[in-house]
Protein backbone atom coordinates (compact mmCIF):
# COMPACT_ATOMS: atom_id res chain seq x y z
CA MET A 1 75.76 -72.28 -48.49
CA SER A 2 79.40 -72.63 -47.58
CA LYS A 3 81.26 -70.41 -45.19
CA LYS A 4 83.26 -68.85 -48.01
CA GLU A 5 80.14 -68.00 -49.99
CA ALA A 6 78.52 -66.42 -46.80
CA LYS A 7 81.67 -64.29 -46.20
CA VAL A 8 81.74 -63.16 -49.86
CA GLU A 9 78.02 -62.23 -49.67
CA ALA A 10 78.47 -60.50 -46.55
CA LYS A 11 81.38 -58.33 -47.86
CA VAL A 12 79.38 -57.47 -51.07
CA GLU A 13 76.35 -56.32 -48.87
CA ALA A 14 78.64 -54.15 -46.70
CA LYS A 15 80.01 -52.59 -49.80
CA VAL A 16 76.65 -51.85 -51.18
CA GLU A 17 75.51 -50.33 -48.02
CA ALA A 18 78.64 -48.21 -47.75
CA LYS A 19 77.99 -46.90 -51.13
CA GLU A 20 74.39 -46.03 -50.35
CA GLU A 21 75.39 -44.31 -47.16
CA ALA A 22 78.11 -42.38 -49.00
CA LYS A 23 75.51 -41.12 -51.58
CA GLU A 24 73.13 -40.00 -48.82
CA GLU A 25 75.81 -38.21 -46.96
CA THR A 26 77.36 -36.26 -49.99
CA PRO A 27 75.57 -32.95 -50.10
CA LYS A 28 73.85 -32.31 -53.43
CA GLU A 29 75.71 -29.77 -55.52
CA THR A 30 73.65 -26.61 -56.14
CA PRO A 31 73.28 -25.91 -59.83
CA LYS A 32 75.19 -22.67 -61.00
CA PRO A 33 72.82 -19.96 -62.01
CA LYS A 34 72.29 -19.98 -65.84
CA THR A 35 72.44 -16.25 -65.95
CA GLU A 36 76.33 -16.40 -66.07
CA TYR A 37 76.16 -18.51 -69.13
CA ARG A 38 73.35 -16.51 -70.78
CA GLU A 39 75.35 -13.24 -70.05
CA GLN A 40 78.43 -14.43 -71.82
CA SER A 41 76.75 -16.62 -74.41
CA HIS A 42 77.09 -13.72 -76.99
CA ILE A 43 80.93 -13.54 -76.80
CA ILE A 44 83.09 -15.30 -79.27
CA TYR A 45 86.79 -15.67 -78.56
CA ILE A 46 88.86 -16.13 -81.66
CA GLY A 47 91.62 -18.79 -81.69
CA LYS A 48 93.18 -21.08 -84.21
CA LYS A 49 90.08 -22.71 -85.78
CA PRO A 50 89.18 -21.83 -89.40
CA THR A 51 87.57 -18.51 -89.95
CA ILE A 52 84.33 -19.95 -91.26
CA SER A 53 83.79 -21.78 -87.92
CA TYR A 54 83.69 -18.45 -86.11
CA VAL A 55 81.52 -16.94 -88.74
CA LEU A 56 78.93 -19.80 -88.37
CA VAL A 57 78.84 -19.16 -84.57
CA ALA A 58 78.33 -15.40 -85.04
CA VAL A 59 75.54 -15.93 -87.49
CA THR A 60 73.97 -18.52 -85.12
CA ILE A 61 74.26 -15.98 -82.07
CA LEU A 62 72.74 -13.26 -84.32
CA ASN A 63 69.84 -15.44 -85.16
CA LYS A 64 68.97 -16.00 -81.52
CA ARG A 65 70.12 -12.51 -79.96
CA ASP A 66 70.43 -8.98 -80.92
CA LYS A 67 74.12 -8.69 -80.07
CA CYS A 68 77.33 -10.55 -80.81
CA SER A 69 80.84 -9.71 -79.36
CA ILE A 70 83.93 -10.94 -81.12
CA GLN A 71 87.16 -10.79 -79.02
CA ALA A 72 90.73 -11.52 -80.16
CA ARG A 73 94.09 -10.68 -79.16
CA GLY A 74 97.69 -10.82 -80.86
CA ARG A 75 97.85 -12.30 -84.26
CA GLN A 76 94.21 -13.40 -84.18
CA ILE A 77 93.05 -9.84 -84.52
CA SER A 78 92.93 -10.05 -88.21
CA LYS A 79 90.97 -13.20 -88.13
CA ALA A 80 88.48 -11.22 -85.80
CA VAL A 81 88.01 -8.57 -88.34
CA ASP A 82 87.46 -11.22 -91.17
CA VAL A 83 84.76 -12.93 -89.06
CA ALA A 84 83.03 -9.73 -88.47
CA GLU A 85 83.13 -8.61 -92.12
CA ILE A 86 82.11 -11.95 -93.42
CA ALA A 87 79.19 -12.28 -91.00
CA ARG A 88 78.05 -8.81 -91.86
CA ARG A 89 78.53 -8.74 -95.59
CA LYS A 90 77.91 -12.30 -96.77
CA PHE A 91 75.59 -14.09 -94.30
CA ARG A 92 73.44 -11.44 -92.86
CA GLN A 93 73.94 -8.65 -95.49
CA ASP A 94 71.89 -5.65 -94.53
CA SER A 95 70.58 -6.84 -91.16
CA VAL A 96 73.82 -6.52 -89.26
CA VAL A 97 75.86 -3.49 -88.36
CA ILE A 98 79.14 -2.91 -86.37
CA ASP A 99 78.10 -1.19 -83.09
CA LYS A 100 81.62 -0.47 -81.66
CA VAL A 101 85.17 -1.49 -81.86
CA VAL A 102 87.15 -1.39 -78.74
CA ILE A 103 91.06 -1.79 -79.02
CA GLY A 104 93.48 -2.06 -76.20
CA SER A 105 96.53 -4.01 -75.02
CA GLU A 106 97.35 -6.36 -72.10
CA GLU A 107 100.69 -6.97 -70.41
CA LEU A 108 101.62 -10.53 -70.11
CA PRO A 109 104.63 -11.87 -68.14
CA SER A 110 107.53 -12.86 -70.41
CA ASP A 111 108.52 -16.43 -70.90
CA ILE A 112 112.13 -15.69 -70.68
CA GLU A 113 113.64 -14.67 -67.36
CA GLY A 114 115.22 -11.40 -66.98
CA HIS A 115 112.98 -9.85 -69.73
CA GLY A 116 110.07 -7.43 -69.01
CA PRO A 117 106.45 -8.17 -69.62
CA LYS A 118 105.10 -8.48 -73.29
CA THR A 119 102.41 -6.22 -74.52
CA VAL A 120 99.65 -7.89 -76.49
CA SER A 121 97.03 -5.91 -78.60
CA THR A 122 93.43 -6.73 -78.07
CA ILE A 123 90.25 -5.99 -79.92
CA GLU A 124 86.55 -6.33 -79.36
CA ILE A 125 83.97 -6.03 -82.29
CA VAL A 126 80.32 -5.70 -81.37
CA LEU A 127 77.84 -6.61 -83.94
CA LEU A 128 74.20 -5.61 -83.60
CA LYS A 129 71.07 -6.91 -85.50
CA GLN A 130 68.95 -4.21 -86.88
């Protein structure tokens, strides 16, 4: 083996050892408790996707759980109402009822300097399986 090959091999071995030491030294991340995910897995936030996408998610949640919450704000409120009604009338017919509807508003900072905060309407529709 030539001197160059020996140097290259020594460098490679040093890098491998350094990587192994780094792996051993880094603390293992503790997994997040799954309760956070499970607690919020029944909430659907309405956005810009097609209505039927949210309806299918709502029906899937109602097949697994007894409760589904649909939340929206601003211009998406009408889509949230559509999702709740389609899920209730077409897909699950008589087995789903609207438990409660909560309306409210949020103040968001304005995009334009010198203007006050914007008020955006919000809605939460809770569906229950009978």
